[in-house]
Amino acid sequence: MATNVKRAETNKWGDLRDRTTGFLRSVWAELKKVHWPNRKELITYTGVVLVAVALVAMLIWMVDSVLSLLLDQLFKAVGK
């Protein structure tokens, strides 16, 4: 009876090792397929991201400013 349990535990760990090894091999295979950008592409993509972040930040700032002004006017009108 004890040998059956020990074999089950051994199979469990062996199976885990096989699955982990298979997973890592497939990850390595996928990484070989990835298109890594060259320096020029990397600089271009970084610039695009920075410009997009700046535009979204300005948009959020403008919406926040307008809402702040409107709410200030509303609170002043209600407070009188």
PDB file of N, CA and C in Angstrom:
ATOM      1  N   MET A   1       0.819  -1.188   0.000  1.00  0.00           N
ATOM      2  CA  MET A   1       0.000   0.000   0.000  1.00  0.00           C
ATOM      3  C   MET A   1       0.868   1.260   0.000  1.00  0.00           C
ATOM      4  N   ALA A   2       1.896   1.269   0.836  1.00  0.00           N
ATOM      5  CA  ALA A   2       2.769   2.438   0.909  1.00  0.00           C
ATOM      6  C   ALA A   2       3.545   2.632  -0.383  1.00  0.00           C
ATOM      7  N   THR A   3       3.880   1.552  -1.063  1.00  0.00           N
ATOM      8  CA  THR A   3       4.620   1.697  -2.315  1.00  0.00           C
ATOM      9  C   THR A   3       3.754   2.326  -3.393  1.00  0.00           C
ATOM     10  N   ASN A   4       2.445   2.053  -3.364  1.00  0.00           N
ATOM     11  CA  ASN A   4       1.544   2.676  -4.336  1.00  0.00           C
ATOM     12  C   ASN A   4       1.484   4.181  -4.131  1.00  0.00           C
ATOM     13  N   VAL A   5       1.441   4.605  -2.873  1.00  0.00           N
ATOM     14  CA  VAL A   5       1.400   6.037  -2.576  1.00  0.00           C
ATOM     15  C   VAL A   5       2.711   6.685  -3.012  1.00  0.00           C
ATOM     16  N   LYS A   6       3.820   6.027  -2.723  1.00  0.00           N
ATOM     17  CA  LYS A   6       5.123   6.586  -3.101  1.00  0.00           C
ATOM     18  C   LYS A   6       5.245   6.698  -4.617  1.00  0.00           C
ATOM     19  N   ARG A   7       4.760   5.705  -5.338  1.00  0.00           N
ATOM     20  CA  ARG A   7       4.799   5.769  -6.801  1.00  0.00           C
ATOM     21  C   ARG A   7       3.922   6.904  -7.322  1.00  0.00           C
ATOM     22  N   ALA A   8       2.765   7.103  -6.701  1.00  0.00           N
ATOM     23  CA  ALA A   8       1.881   8.185  -7.125  1.00  0.00           C
ATOM     24  C   ALA A   8       2.553   9.536  -6.917  1.00  0.00           C
ATOM     25  N   GLU A   9       3.247   9.690  -5.775  1.00  0.00           N
ATOM     26  CA  GLU A   9       3.945  10.949  -5.521  1.00  0.00           C
ATOM     27  C   GLU A   9       5.081  11.146  -6.523  1.00  0.00           C
ATOM     28  N   THR A  10       5.807  10.095  -6.818  1.00  0.00           N
ATOM     29  CA  THR A  10       6.896  10.181  -7.789  1.00  0.00           C
ATOM     30  C   THR A  10       6.360  10.549  -9.166  1.00  0.00           C
ATOM     31  N   ASN A  11       5.260   9.936  -9.563  1.00  0.00           N
ATOM     32  CA  ASN A  11       4.660  10.257 -10.857  1.00  0.00           C
ATOM     33  C   ASN A  11       4.176  11.698 -10.895  1.00  0.00           C
ATOM     34  N   LYS A  12       3.630  12.165  -9.765  1.00  0.00           N
ATOM     35  CA  LYS A  12       3.137  13.540  -9.718  1.00  0.00           C
ATOM     36  C   LYS A  12       4.283  14.523  -9.945  1.00  0.00           C
ATOM     37  N   TRP A  13       5.410  14.309  -9.237  1.00  0.00           N
ATOM     38  CA  TRP A  13       6.537  15.222  -9.391  1.00  0.00           C
ATOM     39  C   TRP A  13       7.196  15.069 -10.754  1.00  0.00           C
ATOM     40  N   GLY A  14       7.237  13.851 -11.259  1.00  0.00           N
ATOM     41  CA  GLY A  14       7.783  13.643 -12.595  1.00  0.00           C
ATOM     42  C   GLY A  14       6.931  14.319 -13.648  1.00  0.00           C
ATOM     43  N   ASP A  15       5.611  14.220 -13.486  1.00  0.00           N
ATOM     44  CA  ASP A  15       4.690  14.865 -14.416  1.00  0.00           C
ATOM     45  C   ASP A  15       4.836  16.381 -14.346  1.00  0.00           C
ATOM     46  N   LEU A  16       4.978  16.908 -13.136  1.00  0.00           N
ATOM     47  CA  LEU A  16       5.153  18.350 -12.972  1.00  0.00           C
ATOM     48  C   LEU A  16       6.441  18.811 -13.654  1.00  0.00           C
ATOM     49  N   ARG A  17       7.507  18.043 -13.494  1.00  0.00           N
ATOM     50  CA  ARG A  17       8.781  18.392 -14.124  1.00  0.00           C
ATOM     51  C   ARG A  17       8.648  18.352 -15.648  1.00  0.00           C
ATOM     52  N   ASP A  18       7.955  17.337 -16.164  1.00  0.00           N
ATOM     53  CA  ASP A  18       7.769  17.227 -17.618  1.00  0.00           C
ATOM     54  C   ASP A  18       6.949  18.391 -18.156  1.00  0.00           C
ATOM     55  N   ARG A  19       5.889  18.751 -17.436  1.00  0.00           N
ATOM     56  CA  ARG A  19       5.055  19.867 -17.895  1.00  0.00           C
ATOM     57  C   ARG A  19       5.818  21.184 -17.838  1.00  0.00           C
ATOM     58  N   THR A  20       6.603  21.370 -16.769  1.00  0.00           N
ATOM     59  CA  THR A  20       7.385  22.601 -16.641  1.00  0.00           C
ATOM     60  C   THR A  20       8.434  22.691 -17.746  1.00  0.00           C
ATOM     61  N   THR A  21       9.115  21.594 -18.003  1.00  0.00           N
ATOM     62  CA  THR A  21      10.117  21.568 -19.072  1.00  0.00           C
ATOM     63  C   THR A  21       9.473  21.849 -20.424  1.00  0.00           C
ATOM     64  N   GLY A  22       8.326  21.239 -20.675  1.00  0.00           N
ATOM     65  CA  GLY A  22       7.622  21.482 -21.934  1.00  0.00           C
ATOM     66  C   GLY A  22       7.196  22.930 -22.074  1.00  0.00           C
ATOM     67  N   PHE A  23       6.726  23.506 -20.969  1.00  0.00           N
ATOM     68  CA  PHE A  23       6.308  24.907 -20.994  1.00  0.00           C
ATOM     69  C   PHE A  23       7.494  25.816 -21.313  1.00  0.00           C
ATOM     70  N   LEU A  24       8.610  25.593 -20.633  1.00  0.00           N
ATOM     71  CA  LEU A  24       9.781  26.438 -20.859  1.00  0.00           C
ATOM     72  C   LEU A  24      10.324  26.286 -22.276  1.00  0.00           C
ATOM     73  N   ARG A  25      10.256  25.087 -22.827  1.00  0.00           N
ATOM     74  CA  ARG A  25      10.696  24.897 -24.213  1.00  0.00           C
ATOM     75  C   ARG A  25       9.789  25.646 -25.185  1.00  0.00           C
ATOM     76  N   SER A  26       8.491  25.627 -24.934  1.00  0.00           N
ATOM     77  CA  SER A  26       7.584  26.345 -25.834  1.00  0.00           C
ATOM     78  C   SER A  26       7.754  27.860 -25.686  1.00  0.00           C
ATOM     79  N   VAL A  27       8.041  28.327 -24.470  1.00  0.00           N
ATOM     80  CA  VAL A  27       8.317  29.758 -24.282  1.00  0.00           C
ATOM     81  C   VAL A  27       9.560  30.155 -25.074  1.00  0.00           C
ATOM     82  N   TRP A  28      10.612  29.346 -24.998  1.00  0.00           N
ATOM     83  CA  TRP A  28      11.844  29.633 -25.734  1.00  0.00           C
ATOM     84  C   TRP A  28      11.591  29.638 -27.241  1.00  0.00           C
ATOM     85  N   ALA A  29      10.767  28.698 -27.712  1.00  0.00           N
ATOM     86  CA  ALA A  29      10.458  28.637 -29.145  1.00  0.00           C
ATOM     87  C   ALA A  29       9.694  29.887 -29.583  1.00  0.00           C
ATOM     88  N   GLU A  30       8.764  30.354 -28.756  1.00  0.00           N
ATOM     89  CA  GLU A  30       8.017  31.568 -29.098  1.00  0.00           C
ATOM     90  C   GLU A  30       8.922  32.796 -29.084  1.00  0.00           C
ATOM     91  N   LEU A  31       9.851  32.857 -28.137  1.00  0.00           N
ATOM     92  CA  LEU A  31      10.767  33.998 -28.089  1.00  0.00           C
ATOM     93  C   LEU A  31      11.661  34.059 -29.319  1.00  0.00           C
ATOM     94  N   LYS A  32      11.959  32.927 -29.916  1.00  0.00           N
ATOM     95  CA  LYS A  32      12.747  32.923 -31.147  1.00  0.00           C
ATOM     96  C   LYS A  32      11.961  33.515 -32.310  1.00  0.00           C
ATOM     97  N   LYS A  33      10.620  33.454 -32.252  1.00  0.00           N
ATOM     98  CA  LYS A  33       9.780  33.967 -33.333  1.00  0.00           C
ATOM     99  C   LYS A  33       9.523  35.471 -33.224  1.00  0.00           C
ATOM    100  N   VAL A  34       9.815  36.050 -32.081  1.00  0.00           N
ATOM    101  CA  VAL A  34       9.501  37.459 -31.836  1.00  0.00           C
ATOM    102  C   VAL A  34      10.350  38.350 -32.731  1.00  0.00           C
ATOM    103  N   HIS A  35       9.724  39.390 -33.287  1.00  0.00           N
ATOM    104  CA  HIS A  35      10.462  40.391 -34.066  1.00  0.00           C
ATOM    105  C   HIS A  35      10.954  41.444 -33.085  1.00  0.00           C
ATOM    106  N   TRP A  36      12.240  41.470 -32.845  1.00  0.00           N
ATOM    107  CA  TRP A  36      12.816  42.449 -31.943  1.00  0.00           C
ATOM    108  C   TRP A  36      13.157  43.700 -32.750  1.00  0.00           C
ATOM    109  N   PRO A  37      12.726  44.879 -32.291  1.00  0.00           N
ATOM    110  CA  PRO A  37      12.973  46.096 -33.070  1.00  0.00           C
ATOM    111  C   PRO A  37      14.450  46.477 -33.070  1.00  0.00           C
ATOM    112  N   ASN A  38      14.856  47.074 -34.194  1.00  0.00           N
ATOM    113  CA  ASN A  38      16.223  47.594 -34.239  1.00  0.00           C
ATOM    114  C   ASN A  38      16.233  48.972 -33.576  1.00  0.00           C
ATOM    115  N   ARG A  39      17.380  49.604 -33.538  1.00  0.00           N
ATOM    116  CA  ARG A  39      17.510  50.870 -32.803  1.00  0.00           C
ATOM    117  C   ARG A  39      16.583  51.956 -33.362  1.00  0.00           C
ATOM    118  N   LYS A  40      16.504  52.068 -34.689  1.00  0.00           N
ATOM    119  CA  LYS A  40      15.675  53.100 -35.310  1.00  0.00           C
ATOM    120  C   LYS A  40      14.195  52.874 -34.979  1.00  0.00           C
ATOM    121  N   GLU A  41      13.744  51.634 -35.091  1.00  0.00           N
ATOM    122  CA  GLU A  41      12.347  51.327 -34.770  1.00  0.00           C
ATOM    123  C   GLU A  41      12.057  51.596 -33.299  1.00  0.00           C
ATOM    124  N   LEU A  42      12.990  51.236 -32.442  1.00  0.00           N
ATOM    125  CA  LEU A  42      12.806  51.441 -31.011  1.00  0.00           C
ATOM    126  C   LEU A  42      12.660  52.919 -30.675  1.00  0.00           C
ATOM    127  N   ILE A  43      13.485  53.756 -31.285  1.00  0.00           N
ATOM    128  CA  ILE A  43      13.401  55.200 -31.050  1.00  0.00           C
ATOM    129  C   ILE A  43      12.080  55.742 -31.578  1.00  0.00           C
ATOM    130  N   THR A  44      11.658  55.283 -32.750  1.00  0.00           N
ATOM    131  CA  THR A  44      10.386  55.727 -33.328  1.00  0.00           C
ATOM    132  C   THR A  44       9.216  55.329 -32.438  1.00  0.00           C
ATOM    133  N   TYR A  45       9.182  54.078 -32.022  1.00  0.00           N
ATOM    134  CA  TYR A  45       8.075  53.600 -31.185  1.00  0.00           C
ATOM    135  C   TYR A  45       8.046  54.316 -29.837  1.00  0.00           C
ATOM    136  N   THR A  46       9.219  54.574 -29.280  1.00  0.00           N
ATOM    137  CA  THR A  46       9.284  55.292 -28.008  1.00  0.00           C
ATOM    138  C   THR A  46       8.742  56.706 -28.167  1.00  0.00           C
ATOM    139  N   GLY A  47       9.101  57.363 -29.259  1.00  0.00           N
ATOM    140  CA  GLY A  47       8.581  58.706 -29.516  1.00  0.00           C
ATOM    141  C   GLY A  47       7.076  58.718 -29.668  1.00  0.00           C
ATOM    142  N   VAL A  48       6.538  57.736 -30.378  1.00  0.00           N
ATOM    143  CA  VAL A  48       5.086  57.649 -30.559  1.00  0.00           C
ATOM    144  C   VAL A  48       4.393  57.476 -29.212  1.00  0.00           C
ATOM    145  N   VAL A  49       4.936  56.622 -28.369  1.00  0.00           N
ATOM    146  CA  VAL A  49       4.331  56.389 -27.053  1.00  0.00           C
ATOM    147  C   VAL A  49       4.394  57.653 -26.205  1.00  0.00           C
ATOM    148  N   LEU A  50       5.523  58.348 -26.205  1.00  0.00           N
ATOM    149  CA  LEU A  50       5.652  59.570 -25.408  1.00  0.00           C
ATOM    150  C   LEU A  50       4.691  60.655 -25.880  1.00  0.00           C
ATOM    151  N   VAL A  51       4.533  60.809 -27.190  1.00  0.00           N
ATOM    152  CA  VAL A  51       3.588  61.797 -27.720  1.00  0.00           C
ATOM    153  C   VAL A  51       2.160  61.416 -27.342  1.00  0.00           C
ATOM    154  N   ALA A  52       1.812  60.146 -27.457  1.00  0.00           N
ATOM    155  CA  ALA A  52       0.465  59.700 -27.104  1.00  0.00           C
ATOM    156  C   ALA A  52       0.187  59.932 -25.623  1.00  0.00           C
ATOM    157  N   VAL A  53       1.152  59.645 -24.769  1.00  0.00           N
ATOM    158  CA  VAL A  53       0.977  59.866 -23.329  1.00  0.00           C
ATOM    159  C   VAL A  53       0.807  61.352 -23.041  1.00  0.00           C
ATOM    160  N   ALA A  54       1.582  62.201 -23.701  1.00  0.00           N
ATOM    161  CA  ALA A  54       1.467  63.646 -23.495  1.00  0.00           C
ATOM    162  C   ALA A  54       0.098  64.149 -23.937  1.00  0.00           C
ATOM    163  N   LEU A  55      -0.399  63.666 -25.076  1.00  0.00           N
ATOM    164  CA  LEU A  55      -1.716  64.095 -25.549  1.00  0.00           C
ATOM    165  C   LEU A  55      -2.829  63.661 -24.602  1.00  0.00           C
ATOM    166  N   VAL A  56      -2.770  62.448 -24.126  1.00  0.00           N
ATOM    167  CA  VAL A  56      -3.796  61.967 -23.190  1.00  0.00           C
ATOM    168  C   VAL A  56      -3.713  62.739 -21.877  1.00  0.00           C
ATOM    169  N   ALA A  57      -2.501  63.041 -21.414  1.00  0.00           N
ATOM    170  CA  ALA A  57      -2.339  63.812 -20.179  1.00  0.00           C
ATOM    171  C   ALA A  57      -2.929  65.209 -20.332  1.00  0.00           C
ATOM    172  N   MET A  58      -2.700  65.856 -21.489  1.00  0.00           N
ATOM    173  CA  MET A  58      -3.280  67.189 -21.718  1.00  0.00           C
ATOM    174  C   MET A  58      -4.798  67.123 -21.791  1.00  0.00           C
ATOM    175  N   LEU A  59      -5.327  66.092 -22.418  1.00  0.00           N
ATOM    176  CA  LEU A  59      -6.776  65.935 -22.499  1.00  0.00           C
ATOM    177  C   LEU A  59      -7.380  65.770 -21.110  1.00  0.00           C
ATOM    178  N   ILE A  60      -6.774  64.942 -20.294  1.00  0.00           N
ATOM    179  CA  ILE A  60      -7.275  64.746 -18.928  1.00  0.00           C
ATOM    180  C   ILE A  60      -7.168  66.037 -18.132  1.00  0.00           C
ATOM    181  N   TRP A  61      -6.066  66.769 -18.295  1.00  0.00           N
ATOM    182  CA  TRP A  61      -5.898  68.035 -17.590  1.00  0.00           C
ATOM    183  C   TRP A  61      -6.976  69.040 -18.005  1.00  0.00           C
ATOM    184  N   MET A  62      -7.274  69.119 -19.321  1.00  0.00           N
ATOM    185  CA  MET A  62      -8.299  70.058 -19.793  1.00  0.00           C
ATOM    186  C   MET A  62      -9.673  69.687 -19.247  1.00  0.00           C
ATOM    187  N   VAL A  63     -10.029  68.423 -19.285  1.00  0.00           N
ATOM    188  CA  VAL A  63     -11.328  67.985 -18.765  1.00  0.00           C
ATOM    189  C   VAL A  63     -11.403  68.264 -17.269  1.00  0.00           C
ATOM    190  N   ASP A  64     -10.329  68.008 -16.544  1.00  0.00           N
ATOM    191  CA  ASP A  64     -10.296  68.267 -15.109  1.00  0.00           C
ATOM    192  C   ASP A  64     -10.462  69.753 -14.820  1.00  0.00           C
ATOM    193  N   SER A  65      -9.799  70.604 -15.596  1.00  0.00           N
ATOM    194  CA  SER A  65      -9.902  72.052 -15.386  1.00  0.00           C
ATOM    195  C   SER A  65     -11.317  72.550 -15.642  1.00  0.00           C
ATOM    196  N   VAL A  66     -11.919  72.095 -16.723  1.00  0.00           N
ATOM    197  CA  VAL A  66     -13.286  72.519 -17.049  1.00  0.00           C
ATOM    198  C   VAL A  66     -14.254  72.051 -15.968  1.00  0.00           C
ATOM    199  N   LEU A  67     -14.133  70.809 -15.552  1.00  0.00           N
ATOM    200  CA  LEU A  67     -15.031  70.304 -14.508  1.00  0.00           C
ATOM    201  C   LEU A  67     -14.822  71.039 -13.188  1.00  0.00           C
ATOM    202  N   SER A  68     -13.581  71.384 -12.863  1.00  0.00           N
ATOM    203  CA  SER A  68     -13.307  72.134 -11.637  1.00  0.00           C
ATOM    204  C   SER A  68     -13.966  73.506 -11.682  1.00  0.00           C
ATOM    205  N   LEU A  69     -13.852  74.189 -12.823  1.00  0.00           N
ATOM    206  CA  LEU A  69     -14.491  75.500 -12.949  1.00  0.00           C
ATOM    207  C   LEU A  69     -16.011  75.393 -12.829  1.00  0.00           C
ATOM    208  N   LEU A  70     -16.578  74.415 -13.503  1.00  0.00           N
ATOM    209  CA  LEU A  70     -18.030  74.239 -13.441  1.00  0.00           C
ATOM    210  C   LEU A  70     -18.503  73.906 -12.031  1.00  0.00           C
ATOM    211  N   LEU A  71     -17.791  73.032 -11.354  1.00  0.00           N
ATOM    212  CA  LEU A  71     -18.197  72.671  -9.993  1.00  0.00           C
ATOM    213  C   LEU A  71     -18.005  73.832  -9.025  1.00  0.00           C
ATOM    214  N   ASP A  72     -16.948  74.632  -9.202  1.00  0.00           N
ATOM    215  CA  ASP A  72     -16.769  75.817  -8.360  1.00  0.00           C
ATOM    216  C   ASP A  72     -17.933  76.784  -8.537  1.00  0.00           C
ATOM    217  N   GLN A  73     -18.338  77.010  -9.787  1.00  0.00           N
ATOM    218  CA  GLN A  73     -19.473  77.892 -10.047  1.00  0.00           C
ATOM    219  C   GLN A  73     -20.756  77.331  -9.435  1.00  0.00           C
ATOM    220  N   LEU A  74     -20.940  76.026  -9.550  1.00  0.00           N
ATOM    221  CA  LEU A  74     -22.131  75.387  -8.993  1.00  0.00           C
ATOM    222  C   LEU A  74     -22.154  75.508  -7.476  1.00  0.00           C
ATOM    223  N   PHE A  75     -21.042  75.264  -6.815  1.00  0.00           N
ATOM    224  CA  PHE A  75     -20.995  75.352  -5.356  1.00  0.00           C
ATOM    225  C   PHE A  75     -21.174  76.787  -4.877  1.00  0.00           C
ATOM    226  N   LYS A  76     -20.660  77.758  -5.628  1.00  0.00           N
ATOM    227  CA  LYS A  76     -20.853  79.157  -5.260  1.00  0.00           C
ATOM    228  C   LYS A  76     -22.317  79.549  -5.397  1.00  0.00           C
ATOM    229  N   ALA A  77     -22.973  79.055  -6.456  1.00  0.00           N
ATOM    230  CA  ALA A  77     -24.382  79.379  -6.679  1.00  0.00           C
ATOM    231  C   ALA A  77     -25.262  78.724  -5.622  1.00  0.00           C
ATOM    232  N   VAL A  78     -24.969  77.522  -5.240  1.00  0.00           N
ATOM    233  CA  VAL A  78     -25.772  76.809  -4.244  1.00  0.00           C
ATOM    234  C   VAL A  78     -25.504  77.362  -2.856  1.00  0.00           C
ATOM    235  N   GLY A  79     -24.296  77.810  -2.600  1.00  0.00           N
ATOM    236  CA  GLY A  79     -23.917  78.303  -1.280  1.00  0.00           C
ATOM    237  C   GLY A  79     -24.523  79.648  -0.934  1.00  0.00           C
ATOM    238  N   LYS A  80     -25.012  80.411  -1.892  1.00  0.00           N
ATOM    239  CA  LYS A  80     -25.566  81.753  -1.632  1.00  0.00           C
ATOM    240  C   LYS A  80     -26.925  81.705  -1.064  1.00  0.00           C
TER     241      LYS A  80
END
